[in-house]
Amino acid sequence: MRLIANGFWTTSLVVLMALAAGGARAAELPASSAVDAVTVYPDGASITRVVTLDLPAGEHSAVLKDFPLTLDPSSLRVEGEAGTKLTIGAIDAKPPRAAPPVNLPELDQRIEALKDERANLQGVIDAATARRKFAERFADSSPAGIGDKGEARPIAEWRAAFAAVGEEIASADAAIRDAQRKQRELDREIARLEQDRAQKPPNRLEVRIELAAAAATKATLRVTYAVRNARWSPLYDARLDTGAKDRKPTLELVRRAEITQATGEDWSNVALSVSTVRTARGGSAPELNSLLVQYPQPPRPQASVSGAMDNNRQLLRAAPAPASKMAESVVERAEEQQATADVSGFQVVFRIPGRVSLSASEGAKSLRVSTAAIAPELAVRAVPVKDPTAFLEASFKQNEDAPLLPGRVSIYRDGVFVGRGQMAAASKDEAVRLGFGADDKVKIERTVLKRNEGSAGLLVTTSKTDERAFKTIVRNGHDFPIRVAIEDQLPVSETEEIQVEMLSSTTPPTTSNLRDRRGVLEWTFEAKPGEVRDVNFAWRIRWPKDKGVVVVPAG
């Protein structure tokens, strides 16, 4: 322990064996805590709660019953300050015991009274049912049309008898329906009270902290723990200004953190940070087992499993509306707050300014992390063998200490939302490429000049050949020069019997095996305003005459 400038003692976690061995049991001291700081990781979060206590002298057990059930008990750590010597002992976390409600006698009396009332209603139902049966038996057993001496009864007496029986049955039915309706209401009330009476499972974790204070003091404890049901995902806004003749293009890259949490506790007015550390990966690289070569086993029949489609919907942010023209002296552009970055050798922590609130049921919240102004290099890239569309592409070198993490990127070109893309992971000084949609002023056309399948050999046919030639025409419709990149593919052979050669009529490619993809070629050049450029490409495949070949995409 050390004494800091203001005279408070600072302590860290100390397992105090004397507390466990002492004869006297520490007094329980109920306390409450509040979430003060949260650091969110891509696969979890670290929570810090603050506890303020008025500690009497001696040994005590601080009991806190407001911790979430989802915390990892092994991650609990405690530190704090006090005005005197304070020792932190054992820390214990467990679900609290399910306790009966405090008003249990009142609930029992109310349930008993409702059951008595229900029994009285059942008596009413039984009596009315007996009346109805008696009226029905009377109607069935009484001889119709015969008086006391066997004479015929007048018609008027028949009608009076019929009416009396009908009224009696109707009255009994009404009494039964009314009593049954009241019984249903009583049953619902009894069920609700029975539910209130039952012991409910705990929805919070109980944490006990053993403390020993040399004298009465006011203490502040900070309890830190880890949870898994929280995460953050990187999002990006890429806003490209394509520039003009007298203005170079600029790119604004905005990083955002999309945070979600289902920890069972609300984060209200907390200091929030996001970290690049992935806690679920563990501390060590995986172990490799031996790799065996053996004859394949006969396949076993397997039950078919139907796949499920993932219909994740993506929220579309609208492009910012153009600001109205107002006097510059009275209008200032609103600025979105963003985080400050703490960069170390192995991680980056972005600290969100101010205080943030995020409830457990709120859903995702997106917060601005950083903004970078970049001078990109623009180019038009096309893969005409698949799609003749020319796509505008911005490339730049990632020069920030914080790496770019993979995530969704919203693409804006000259203030207009043009779609979504995917940001690839990039560390410092690594090249990054982002597409910004179709460039309709650059036209790409690819035509087949030759397709010839035949045989080769001086006197005797010894092989078959497949020869093809293509031409790609590029037209720059801009009034400024633009860099163009055309990609195409040369077949690749994986056996000596199949020979592939690029013919001399091919325009020499700028790059072969582009980005380590075998056979992928790239032609790059700068097209002047209104210029038309041709790219020629031809190849030949030769293989034994007694065999057949196919050209298929690489797996």
Protein backbone atom coordinates (compact mmCIF):
# COMPACT_ATOMS: atom_id res chain seq x y z
CA MET A 1 0.00 0.00 0.00
CA ARG A 2 1.12 3.59 -0.57
CA LEU A 3 0.05 6.93 0.82
CA ILE A 4 -0.99 9.36 -1.87
CA ALA A 5 -0.80 13.15 -1.76
CA ASN A 6 -4.23 13.83 -0.25
CA GLY A 7 -3.61 11.50 2.65
CA PHE A 8 -5.77 8.64 1.37
CA TRP A 9 -4.64 5.05 1.33
CA THR A 10 -4.66 3.23 -2.03
CA THR A 11 -5.12 -0.55 -1.91
CA SER A 12 -5.23 -3.38 -4.41
CA LEU A 13 -6.69 -6.86 -4.19
CA VAL A 14 -5.20 -8.70 -1.19
CA VAL A 15 -6.39 -12.11 -0.09
CA LEU A 16 -6.53 -11.69 3.64
CA MET A 17 -6.25 -15.10 5.29
CA ALA A 18 -6.68 -13.59 8.71
CA LEU A 19 -10.28 -12.68 7.94
CA ALA A 20 -11.09 -16.31 7.22
CA ALA A 21 -9.21 -17.55 10.26
CA GLY A 22 -10.58 -14.98 12.70
CA GLY A 23 -12.93 -16.13 15.39
CA ALA A 24 -15.46 -13.28 15.10
CA ARG A 25 -17.73 -13.19 12.06
CA ALA A 26 -17.55 -9.95 10.06
CA ALA A 27 -20.68 -7.80 10.24
CA GLU A 28 -22.69 -7.52 7.04
CA LEU A 29 -22.82 -4.04 5.57
CA PRO A 30 -25.44 -3.59 2.79
CA ALA A 31 -24.25 -1.37 -0.05
CA SER A 32 -25.15 -0.36 -3.56
CA SER A 33 -23.05 0.41 -6.61
CA ALA A 34 -23.32 2.24 -9.93
CA VAL A 35 -21.69 1.57 -13.29
CA ASP A 36 -19.07 4.27 -13.82
CA ALA A 37 -16.86 3.13 -16.73
CA VAL A 38 -17.17 0.59 -19.55
CA THR A 39 -14.57 -0.64 -22.03
CA VAL A 40 -16.14 -2.57 -24.90
CA TYR A 41 -14.16 -5.15 -26.89
CA PRO A 42 -15.11 -6.83 -30.18
CA ASP A 43 -16.20 -9.86 -28.13
CA GLY A 44 -17.02 -8.64 -24.62
CA ALA A 45 -16.74 -5.76 -22.19
CA SER A 46 -15.04 -4.75 -18.96
CA ILE A 47 -17.30 -2.98 -16.44
CA THR A 48 -16.22 -0.82 -13.51
CA ARG A 49 -18.71 -0.13 -10.72
CA VAL A 50 -18.14 2.44 -7.95
CA VAL A 51 -19.14 1.70 -4.33
CA THR A 52 -19.16 4.40 -1.62
CA LEU A 53 -19.19 3.16 1.99
CA ASP A 54 -19.22 4.64 5.48
CA LEU A 55 -17.10 2.02 7.23
CA PRO A 56 -16.98 1.63 11.01
CA ALA A 57 -13.72 0.41 12.49
CA GLY A 58 -13.13 -3.31 12.36
CA GLU A 59 -13.98 -6.14 10.00
CA HIS A 60 -17.01 -5.95 7.76
CA SER A 61 -18.53 -7.74 4.80
CA ALA A 62 -19.87 -5.36 2.15
CA VAL A 63 -22.88 -7.00 0.48
CA LEU A 64 -23.84 -5.75 -3.00
CA LYS A 65 -26.89 -7.27 -4.68
CA ASP A 66 -27.04 -5.26 -7.93
CA PHE A 67 -24.48 -7.06 -10.12
CA PRO A 68 -25.56 -8.78 -13.37
CA LEU A 69 -25.87 -12.55 -13.59
CA THR A 70 -23.81 -12.55 -16.80
CA LEU A 71 -20.52 -11.48 -15.23
CA ASP A 72 -17.53 -13.81 -15.06
CA PRO A 73 -16.89 -14.34 -11.31
CA SER A 74 -13.22 -15.14 -11.92
CA SER A 75 -12.73 -11.68 -13.43
CA LEU A 76 -13.79 -9.75 -10.31
CA ARG A 77 -11.15 -7.28 -9.11
CA VAL A 78 -11.43 -4.62 -6.38
CA GLU A 79 -9.36 -1.55 -5.59
CA GLY A 80 -10.15 1.70 -3.79
CA GLU A 81 -9.26 4.51 -1.40
CA ALA A 82 -10.06 5.30 2.19
CA GLY A 83 -9.08 7.91 4.82
CA THR A 84 -7.31 5.29 6.90
CA LYS A 85 -5.62 1.94 6.45
CA LEU A 86 -8.05 -0.35 4.65
CA THR A 87 -7.46 -3.98 3.74
CA ILE A 88 -9.51 -5.73 1.05
CA GLY A 89 -9.91 -9.41 1.68
CA ALA A 90 -11.82 -12.21 -0.01
CA ILE A 91 -14.31 -11.54 -2.82
CA ASP A 92 -17.25 -13.87 -3.28
CA ALA A 93 -19.93 -13.81 -5.99
CA LYS A 94 -23.04 -15.98 -5.99
CA PRO A 95 -26.72 -15.73 -6.89
CA PRO A 96 -28.73 -14.58 -3.84
CA ARG A 97 -31.12 -17.01 -2.27
CA ALA A 98 -34.68 -16.85 -3.48
CA ALA A 99 -36.61 -15.27 -0.61
CA PRO A 100 -40.40 -15.39 -0.09
CA PRO A 101 -42.27 -12.08 -0.40
CA VAL A 102 -42.34 -9.91 2.71
CA ASN A 103 -46.18 -9.72 2.66
CA LEU A 104 -46.63 -13.50 2.59
CA PRO A 105 -49.26 -13.60 5.44
CA GLU A 106 -51.36 -10.96 3.70
CA LEU A 107 -51.18 -12.87 0.42
CA ASP A 108 -52.22 -16.11 2.12
CA GLN A 109 -55.23 -14.43 3.78
CA ARG A 110 -56.30 -12.85 0.50
CA ILE A 111 -56.00 -16.15 -1.41
CA GLU A 112 -58.00 -17.97 1.31
CA ALA A 113 -60.78 -15.35 1.19
CA LEU A 114 -60.99 -15.58 -2.61
CA LYS A 115 -61.18 -19.38 -2.48
CA ASP A 116 -64.04 -19.12 0.08
CA GLU A 117 -65.86 -16.71 -2.21
CA ARG A 118 -65.37 -19.10 -5.09
CA ALA A 119 -66.80 -21.95 -3.03
CA ASN A 120 -69.92 -19.84 -2.27
CA LEU A 121 -70.37 -19.22 -5.98
CA GLN A 122 -70.09 -22.96 -6.59
CA GLY A 123 -72.96 -23.42 -4.13
CA VAL A 124 -75.05 -20.97 -6.13
CA ILE A 125 -74.25 -22.91 -9.30
CA ASP A 126 -75.18 -26.24 -7.70
CA ALA A 127 -78.51 -24.85 -6.41
CA ALA A 128 -79.43 -23.35 -9.76
CA THR A 129 -78.51 -26.60 -11.50
CA ALA A 130 -80.81 -28.54 -9.15
CA ARG A 131 -83.66 -26.08 -9.86
CA ARG A 132 -83.20 -26.53 -13.59
CA LYS A 133 -83.22 -30.35 -13.31
CA PHE A 134 -86.37 -30.25 -11.13
CA ALA A 135 -88.17 -28.08 -13.69
CA GLU A 136 -87.15 -30.43 -16.48
CA ARG A 137 -88.33 -33.51 -14.54
CA PHE A 138 -91.63 -31.81 -13.74
CA ALA A 139 -92.20 -31.04 -17.42
CA ASP A 140 -91.38 -34.64 -18.37
CA SER A 141 -93.38 -36.47 -15.69
CA SER A 142 -96.62 -34.42 -15.36
CA PRO A 143 -99.46 -35.85 -17.51
CA ALA A 144 -100.64 -33.34 -20.01
CA GLY A 145 -104.35 -32.49 -20.30
CA ILE A 146 -105.64 -34.46 -17.23
CA GLY A 147 -107.02 -32.83 -14.08
CA ASP A 148 -107.33 -34.20 -10.55
CA LYS A 149 -110.27 -36.42 -11.53
CA GLY A 150 -108.93 -37.28 -14.95
CA GLU A 151 -110.76 -34.56 -16.81
CA ALA A 152 -109.09 -32.53 -19.52
CA ARG A 153 -107.39 -29.29 -18.38
CA PRO A 154 -108.24 -26.01 -20.08
CA ILE A 155 -105.78 -24.72 -22.66
CA ALA A 156 -105.03 -21.64 -20.52
CA GLU A 157 -103.69 -23.84 -17.68
CA TRP A 158 -101.44 -25.68 -20.15
CA ARG A 159 -99.92 -22.40 -21.25
CA ALA A 160 -99.39 -21.24 -17.65
CA ALA A 161 -97.60 -24.49 -16.82
CA PHE A 162 -95.37 -24.22 -19.88
CA ALA A 163 -94.49 -20.61 -19.03
CA ALA A 164 -93.69 -21.45 -15.40
CA VAL A 165 -91.32 -24.26 -16.45
CA GLY A 166 -89.61 -22.02 -19.04
CA GLU A 167 -89.14 -19.14 -16.62
CA GLU A 168 -87.67 -21.46 -13.99
CA ILE A 169 -85.14 -22.94 -16.46
CA ALA A 170 -84.18 -19.47 -17.79
CA SER A 171 -83.71 -18.11 -14.25
CA ALA A 172 -81.51 -21.07 -13.30
CA ASP A 173 -79.38 -20.69 -16.46
CA ALA A 174 -78.84 -16.96 -15.80
CA ALA A 175 -77.77 -17.64 -12.22
CA ILE A 176 -75.31 -20.32 -13.41
CA ARG A 177 -73.76 -18.06 -16.08
CA ASP A 178 -73.37 -15.15 -13.66
CA ALA A 179 -71.72 -17.31 -11.01
CA GLN A 180 -69.37 -18.95 -13.54
CA ARG A 181 -68.29 -15.52 -14.83
CA LYS A 182 -67.46 -14.39 -11.31
CA GLN A 183 -65.56 -17.65 -10.73
CA ARG A 184 -63.36 -16.97 -13.78
CA GLU A 185 -62.51 -13.52 -12.43
CA LEU A 186 -61.67 -15.03 -9.04
CA ASP A 187 -59.49 -17.71 -10.70
CA ARG A 188 -57.44 -15.05 -12.49
CA GLU A 189 -56.95 -13.08 -9.29
CA ILE A 190 -55.98 -16.22 -7.35
CA ALA A 191 -53.44 -17.17 -10.04
CA ARG A 192 -51.90 -13.68 -9.90
CA LEU A 193 -51.61 -13.82 -6.12
CA GLU A 194 -50.13 -17.33 -6.27
CA GLN A 195 -47.50 -16.00 -8.68
CA ASP A 196 -46.71 -13.13 -6.30
CA ARG A 197 -46.47 -15.62 -3.48
CA ALA A 198 -44.01 -17.92 -5.28
CA GLN A 199 -40.27 -17.46 -4.76
CA LYS A 200 -38.82 -15.83 -7.87
CA PRO A 201 -35.40 -16.76 -9.22
CA PRO A 202 -32.81 -14.03 -8.67
CA ASN A 203 -32.10 -11.64 -11.54
CA ARG A 204 -29.02 -10.13 -9.93
CA LEU A 205 -25.75 -11.49 -8.56
CA GLU A 206 -24.69 -10.98 -4.97
CA VAL A 207 -21.09 -9.88 -4.42
CA ARG A 208 -19.47 -9.91 -0.97
CA ILE A 209 -16.26 -8.04 -0.24
CA GLU A 210 -14.43 -8.60 3.05
CA LEU A 211 -13.01 -5.35 4.45
CA ALA A 212 -10.95 -4.44 7.51
CA ALA A 213 -10.64 -0.76 8.50
CA ALA A 214 -8.22 0.49 11.14
CA ALA A 215 -10.67 3.27 12.06
CA ALA A 216 -14.06 4.58 11.00
CA THR A 217 -13.71 6.05 7.53
CA LYS A 218 -15.41 6.83 4.26
CA ALA A 219 -14.21 4.46 1.52
CA THR A 220 -14.61 4.37 -2.25
CA LEU A 221 -14.24 0.99 -3.98
CA ARG A 222 -14.00 0.27 -7.69
CA VAL A 223 -15.16 -3.22 -8.68
CA THR A 224 -14.17 -4.38 -12.19
CA TYR A 225 -15.47 -7.48 -13.96
CA ALA A 226 -15.87 -8.95 -17.45
CA VAL A 227 -19.06 -9.80 -19.36
CA ARG A 228 -19.52 -11.54 -22.71
CA ASN A 229 -22.90 -10.24 -23.91
CA ALA A 230 -21.51 -7.00 -25.32
CA ARG A 231 -19.50 -6.11 -28.40
CA TRP A 232 -18.58 -3.37 -30.84
CA SER A 233 -18.20 -3.53 -34.60
CA PRO A 234 -16.31 -1.04 -36.78
CA LEU A 235 -18.29 1.03 -39.26
CA TYR A 236 -16.93 3.57 -41.73
CA ASP A 237 -18.12 6.54 -43.75
CA ALA A 238 -15.96 7.23 -46.81
CA ARG A 239 -16.75 10.64 -48.35
CA LEU A 240 -14.91 11.29 -51.60
CA ASP A 241 -14.62 14.68 -53.28
CA THR A 242 -13.49 13.80 -56.79
CA GLY A 243 -12.00 17.28 -57.32
CA ALA A 244 -11.77 19.21 -60.57
CA LYS A 245 -9.20 20.60 -62.99
CA ASP A 246 -7.95 23.06 -60.38
CA ARG A 247 -8.66 20.99 -57.25
CA LYS A 248 -7.18 17.67 -56.18
CA PRO A 249 -9.44 14.92 -54.88
CA THR A 250 -9.87 14.50 -51.13
CA LEU A 251 -11.20 11.66 -49.02
CA GLU A 252 -12.71 11.93 -45.54
CA LEU A 253 -12.67 8.61 -43.72
CA VAL A 254 -14.84 8.51 -40.60
CA ARG A 255 -14.52 5.62 -38.18
CA ARG A 256 -17.51 4.64 -36.08
CA ALA A 257 -18.08 2.09 -33.36
CA GLU A 258 -21.44 0.30 -33.38
CA ILE A 259 -21.99 -0.90 -29.82
CA THR A 260 -24.56 -3.44 -28.66
CA GLN A 261 -25.02 -4.96 -25.24
CA ALA A 262 -27.37 -7.49 -23.63
CA THR A 263 -25.68 -7.81 -20.25
CA GLY A 264 -28.84 -7.38 -18.21
CA GLU A 265 -27.72 -4.04 -16.76
CA ASP A 266 -28.10 -0.50 -18.08
CA TRP A 267 -25.07 1.68 -18.69
CA SER A 268 -26.25 5.10 -17.57
CA ASN A 269 -23.99 8.14 -17.85
CA VAL A 270 -20.76 6.12 -18.04
CA ALA A 271 -17.25 6.82 -19.31
CA LEU A 272 -17.18 4.68 -22.46
CA SER A 273 -14.21 3.31 -24.40
CA VAL A 274 -13.79 0.78 -27.18
CA SER A 275 -10.70 -1.39 -27.49
CA THR A 276 -9.27 -3.49 -30.32
CA VAL A 277 -8.32 -6.33 -27.94
CA ARG A 278 -10.17 -9.58 -28.74
CA THR A 279 -10.62 -11.21 -25.35
CA ALA A 280 -12.36 -14.39 -26.56
CA ARG A 281 -9.34 -15.52 -28.59
CA GLY A 282 -7.45 -16.64 -25.51
CA GLY A 283 -3.81 -16.06 -24.71
CA SER A 284 -2.00 -18.61 -26.86
CA ALA A 285 -1.89 -19.90 -30.41
CA PRO A 286 -3.77 -23.18 -31.05
CA GLU A 287 -1.98 -26.52 -30.84
CA LEU A 288 -1.51 -28.60 -34.01
CA ASN A 289 -2.01 -32.35 -34.08
CA SER A 290 -0.24 -34.75 -36.41
CA LEU A 291 -1.29 -34.79 -40.08
CA LEU A 292 -1.89 -38.34 -41.34
CA VAL A 293 -1.95 -39.70 -44.89
CA GLN A 294 -4.09 -42.80 -45.35
CA TYR A 295 -6.44 -44.52 -47.77
CA PRO A 296 -9.89 -42.94 -47.78
CA GLN A 297 -12.58 -44.64 -45.75
CA PRO A 298 -15.85 -45.60 -47.48
CA PRO A 299 -18.34 -42.75 -47.13
CA ARG A 300 -21.04 -43.05 -44.52
CA PRO A 301 -24.62 -42.06 -45.30
CA GLN A 302 -25.44 -38.68 -43.86
CA ALA A 303 -28.77 -37.04 -43.25
CA SER A 304 -29.31 -33.97 -45.35
CA VAL A 305 -29.34 -30.69 -43.54
CA SER A 306 -31.15 -27.78 -45.06
CA GLY A 307 -29.27 -24.49 -45.05
CA ALA A 308 -30.68 -21.35 -43.60
CA MET A 309 -30.59 -17.97 -45.26
CA ASP A 310 -29.18 -15.09 -43.29
CA ASN A 311 -31.43 -12.11 -43.92
CA ASN A 312 -29.47 -9.52 -41.99
CA ARG A 313 -30.93 -6.21 -42.80
CA GLN A 314 -28.61 -3.27 -43.06
CA LEU A 315 -29.63 0.19 -42.04
CA LEU A 316 -29.12 2.81 -44.72
CA ARG A 317 -27.88 6.17 -43.62
CA ALA A 318 -29.21 8.98 -45.73
CA ALA A 319 -26.76 11.35 -47.39
CA PRO A 320 -26.54 14.71 -45.65
CA ALA A 321 -28.93 17.27 -47.04
CA PRO A 322 -27.32 20.36 -48.57
CA ALA A 323 -27.12 23.23 -46.13
CA SER A 324 -29.17 26.30 -46.86
CA LYS A 325 -27.27 29.40 -47.93
CA MET A 326 -26.97 31.74 -44.96
CA ALA A 327 -24.60 34.44 -43.93
CA GLU A 328 -21.28 32.98 -42.80
CA SER A 329 -21.20 35.39 -39.88
CA VAL A 330 -24.19 33.71 -38.18
CA VAL A 331 -23.79 30.06 -39.24
CA GLU A 332 -21.23 27.52 -38.06
CA ARG A 333 -21.12 23.91 -39.17
CA ALA A 334 -22.15 21.45 -36.46
CA GLU A 335 -19.34 19.08 -35.54
CA GLU A 336 -19.83 15.53 -34.35
CA GLN A 337 -17.84 14.65 -31.26
CA GLN A 338 -15.29 11.88 -31.62
CA ALA A 339 -13.02 9.79 -29.46
CA THR A 340 -9.39 10.19 -28.50
CA ALA A 341 -7.09 7.27 -29.24
CA ASP A 342 -4.60 5.73 -26.81
CA VAL A 343 -2.20 3.68 -28.93
CA SER A 344 0.14 1.13 -27.39
CA GLY A 345 2.32 -1.53 -28.92
CA PHE A 346 -0.41 -4.17 -29.01
CA GLN A 347 -3.79 -2.43 -28.80
CA VAL A 348 -5.71 0.78 -29.42
CA VAL A 349 -8.30 2.20 -27.03
CA PHE A 350 -10.69 4.87 -28.27
CA ARG A 351 -12.11 6.97 -25.43
CA ILE A 352 -15.48 8.54 -26.17
CA PRO A 353 -15.68 12.12 -24.81
CA GLY A 354 -18.23 12.98 -22.15
CA ARG A 355 -20.67 10.49 -20.72
CA VAL A 356 -22.74 7.94 -22.63
CA SER A 357 -25.88 5.94 -21.80
CA LEU A 358 -26.82 2.61 -23.37
CA SER A 359 -29.54 0.39 -21.92
CA ALA A 360 -29.57 -3.38 -22.21
CA SER A 361 -32.62 -3.32 -24.50
CA GLU A 362 -31.78 -0.27 -26.57
CA GLY A 363 -30.19 -2.02 -29.53
CA ALA A 364 -27.15 -0.77 -31.41
CA LYS A 365 -25.68 2.69 -30.86
CA SER A 366 -23.21 4.17 -33.34
CA LEU A 367 -20.54 6.57 -32.02
CA ARG A 368 -17.94 8.51 -33.97
CA VAL A 369 -14.42 7.37 -33.17
CA SER A 370 -12.08 9.30 -35.47
CA THR A 371 -11.80 11.24 -38.71
CA ALA A 372 -8.93 11.26 -41.20
CA ALA A 373 -8.40 13.63 -44.15
CA ILE A 374 -6.68 11.71 -46.94
CA ALA A 375 -5.25 12.67 -50.32
CA PRO A 376 -6.18 9.60 -52.40
CA GLU A 377 -5.09 8.44 -55.81
CA LEU A 378 -8.05 7.99 -58.13
CA ALA A 379 -8.31 5.40 -60.87
CA VAL A 380 -10.98 3.77 -62.98
CA ARG A 381 -10.87 -0.02 -62.71
CA ALA A 382 -12.71 -2.46 -64.95
CA VAL A 383 -12.86 -6.23 -65.36
CA PRO A 384 -14.49 -6.39 -68.82
CA VAL A 385 -14.30 -10.20 -69.04
CA LYS A 386 -17.01 -10.17 -66.33
CA ASP A 387 -18.54 -6.66 -66.45
CA PRO A 388 -17.77 -3.80 -68.85
CA THR A 389 -18.64 -1.19 -66.20
CA ALA A 390 -15.87 1.22 -65.21
CA PHE A 391 -15.70 1.67 -61.42
CA LEU A 392 -14.09 4.66 -59.73
CA GLU A 393 -11.53 3.57 -57.15
CA ALA A 394 -9.63 5.51 -54.52
CA SER A 395 -6.42 4.11 -53.09
CA PHE A 396 -4.32 5.42 -50.21
CA LYS A 397 -1.78 4.35 -47.63
CA GLN A 398 -3.10 3.73 -44.14
CA ASN A 399 -0.87 6.06 -42.10
CA GLU A 400 -2.62 6.00 -38.72
CA ASP A 401 -1.26 4.06 -35.75
CA ALA A 402 -4.68 2.53 -35.11
CA PRO A 403 -5.25 -0.27 -37.63
CA LEU A 404 -8.31 -0.37 -39.83
CA LEU A 405 -10.49 -3.28 -38.72
CA PRO A 406 -12.76 -5.12 -41.16
CA GLY A 407 -16.25 -3.67 -41.28
CA ARG A 408 -19.00 -2.15 -43.40
CA VAL A 409 -18.32 1.16 -45.15
CA SER A 410 -20.90 3.62 -46.42
CA ILE A 411 -19.72 5.18 -49.69
CA TYR A 412 -20.40 8.82 -50.62
CA ARG A 413 -19.17 10.43 -53.82
CA ASP A 414 -19.42 14.22 -54.13
CA GLY A 415 -22.05 14.31 -51.38
CA VAL A 416 -24.24 11.54 -52.83
CA PHE A 417 -24.66 8.13 -51.23
CA VAL A 418 -23.64 5.53 -53.83
CA GLY A 419 -23.76 2.29 -51.86
CA ARG A 420 -22.07 0.11 -49.29
CA GLY A 421 -18.81 -1.74 -49.36
CA GLN A 422 -16.52 -3.70 -47.10
CA MET A 423 -13.39 -2.35 -45.48
CA ALA A 424 -10.54 -4.84 -45.37
CA ALA A 425 -8.18 -5.00 -42.41
CA ALA A 426 -5.16 -2.76 -42.86
CA SER A 427 -2.27 -1.96 -40.52
CA LYS A 428 -0.08 1.13 -40.65
CA ASP A 429 1.60 1.81 -44.04
CA GLU A 430 -0.56 -0.78 -45.79
CA ALA A 431 -2.34 0.10 -49.05
CA VAL A 432 -6.14 0.42 -49.00
CA ARG A 433 -8.49 0.40 -52.00
CA LEU A 434 -12.10 1.59 -51.90
CA GLY A 435 -14.60 1.52 -54.73
CA PHE A 436 -16.91 4.52 -55.27
CA GLY A 437 -19.40 3.26 -57.82
CA ALA A 438 -19.71 3.29 -61.59
CA ASP A 439 -18.08 6.01 -63.69
CA ASP A 440 -20.43 6.37 -66.65
CA LYS A 441 -18.12 8.78 -68.48
CA VAL A 442 -15.56 6.04 -69.07
CA LYS A 443 -16.74 3.45 -71.61
CA ILE A 444 -15.26 -0.04 -71.75
CA GLU A 445 -15.87 -2.49 -74.62
CA ARG A 446 -14.35 -5.98 -74.92
CA THR A 447 -14.62 -7.87 -78.20
CA VAL A 448 -13.47 -11.32 -79.31
CA LEU A 449 -11.10 -11.05 -82.30
CA LYS A 450 -10.28 -14.72 -82.71
CA ARG A 451 -11.35 -18.10 -81.40
CA ASN A 452 -9.71 -21.04 -83.12
CA GLU A 453 -9.56 -24.67 -82.01
CA GLY A 454 -7.38 -26.98 -84.14
CA SER A 455 -4.45 -29.40 -84.34
CA ALA A 456 -0.68 -28.92 -84.45
CA GLY A 457 2.22 -31.00 -85.83
CA LEU A 458 4.53 -30.97 -88.87
CA LEU A 459 3.57 -34.31 -90.49
CA VAL A 460 1.40 -36.08 -87.95
CA THR A 461 -1.10 -34.44 -85.64
CA THR A 462 0.41 -34.67 -82.18
CA SER A 463 -1.59 -32.09 -80.18
CA LYS A 464 -4.66 -29.93 -80.07
CA THR A 465 -4.73 -26.15 -79.69
CA ASP A 466 -7.12 -23.45 -78.55
CA GLU A 467 -6.16 -19.92 -79.59
CA ARG A 468 -8.08 -16.80 -78.66
CA ALA A 469 -7.59 -13.04 -79.09
CA PHE A 470 -9.46 -10.11 -77.54
CA LYS A 471 -9.48 -6.34 -77.78
CA THR A 472 -10.59 -3.97 -75.01
CA ILE A 473 -11.41 -0.40 -76.05
CA VAL A 474 -11.31 2.37 -73.41
CA ARG A 475 -12.91 5.77 -74.04
CA ASN A 476 -12.32 8.61 -71.53
CA GLY A 477 -15.29 10.96 -71.67
CA HIS A 478 -14.01 13.26 -68.93
CA ASP A 479 -12.50 16.68 -69.62
CA PHE A 480 -9.51 15.77 -67.46
CA PRO A 481 -7.00 12.90 -67.58
CA ILE A 482 -7.72 9.84 -65.47
CA ARG A 483 -5.78 6.72 -64.58
CA VAL A 484 -7.29 3.48 -65.94
CA ALA A 485 -6.69 -0.10 -64.79
CA ILE A 486 -7.93 -3.04 -66.89
CA GLU A 487 -7.87 -6.59 -65.54
CA ASP A 488 -8.01 -9.83 -67.55
CA GLN A 489 -7.02 -13.44 -67.01
CA LEU A 490 -4.56 -15.78 -68.67
CA PRO A 491 -5.30 -19.53 -68.22
CA VAL A 492 -2.91 -21.30 -65.86
CA SER A 493 -1.72 -24.88 -66.38
CA GLU A 494 -0.92 -27.19 -63.50
CA THR A 495 0.56 -29.98 -65.60
CA GLU A 496 3.46 -30.09 -68.09
CA GLU A 497 1.30 -31.74 -70.75
CA ILE A 498 -0.88 -28.63 -71.00
CA GLN A 499 1.08 -25.61 -72.26
CA VAL A 500 -0.20 -22.03 -72.13
CA GLU A 501 1.52 -19.13 -73.88
CA MET A 502 0.68 -15.47 -74.24
CA LEU A 503 0.99 -14.42 -77.87
CA SER A 504 3.14 -11.59 -79.18
CA SER A 505 0.15 -9.54 -80.29
CA THR A 506 -0.68 -8.90 -76.63
CA THR A 507 -0.20 -5.39 -75.30
CA PRO A 508 2.48 -5.88 -72.59
CA PRO A 509 0.71 -5.95 -69.22
CA THR A 510 1.84 -3.64 -66.44
CA THR A 511 1.47 -6.32 -63.73
CA SER A 512 1.33 -10.11 -63.81
CA ASN A 513 -0.17 -12.28 -61.09
CA LEU A 514 -1.94 -9.22 -59.67
CA ARG A 515 -2.15 -9.33 -55.87
CA ASP A 516 -0.77 -12.89 -55.92
CA ARG A 517 -3.60 -14.23 -58.10
CA ARG A 518 -2.12 -16.58 -60.68
CA GLY A 519 -2.73 -15.57 -64.28
CA VAL A 520 -4.47 -12.27 -63.44
CA LEU A 521 -3.02 -9.46 -65.55
CA GLU A 522 -3.37 -5.70 -65.22
CA TRP A 523 -2.85 -2.92 -67.75
CA THR A 524 -2.61 0.59 -66.26
CA PHE A 525 -2.25 3.87 -68.13
CA GLU A 526 -3.36 7.46 -68.00
CA ALA A 527 -6.10 8.30 -70.47
CA LYS A 528 -6.17 11.88 -71.66
CA PRO A 529 -9.46 13.79 -71.99
CA GLY A 530 -11.45 12.27 -74.83
CA GLU A 531 -8.73 9.71 -75.61
CA VAL A 532 -9.49 6.20 -76.92
CA ARG A 533 -7.02 3.42 -76.01
CA ASP A 534 -6.87 -0.21 -77.13
CA VAL A 535 -5.64 -3.16 -75.06
CA ASN A 536 -4.92 -6.35 -77.05
CA PHE A 537 -4.73 -9.73 -75.37
CA ALA A 538 -4.17 -13.16 -76.98
CA TRP A 539 -3.19 -16.61 -75.73
CA ARG A 540 -2.85 -20.21 -76.93
CA ILE A 541 -3.35 -23.53 -75.11
CA ARG A 542 -1.70 -26.75 -76.41
CA TRP A 543 -2.40 -30.27 -75.08
CA PRO A 544 -2.13 -33.96 -76.17
CA LYS A 545 -4.49 -34.95 -78.98
CA ASP A 546 -5.91 -37.97 -77.14
CA LYS A 547 -7.10 -35.91 -74.19
CA GLY A 548 -9.59 -33.17 -73.56
CA VAL A 549 -9.23 -30.01 -71.47
CA VAL A 550 -11.59 -27.56 -69.84
CA VAL A 551 -10.94 -24.06 -68.50
CA VAL A 552 -12.57 -23.56 -65.11
CA PRO A 553 -12.27 -20.88 -62.40
CA ALA A 554 -9.77 -21.66 -59.64
CA GLY A 555 -11.26 -22.88 -56.39
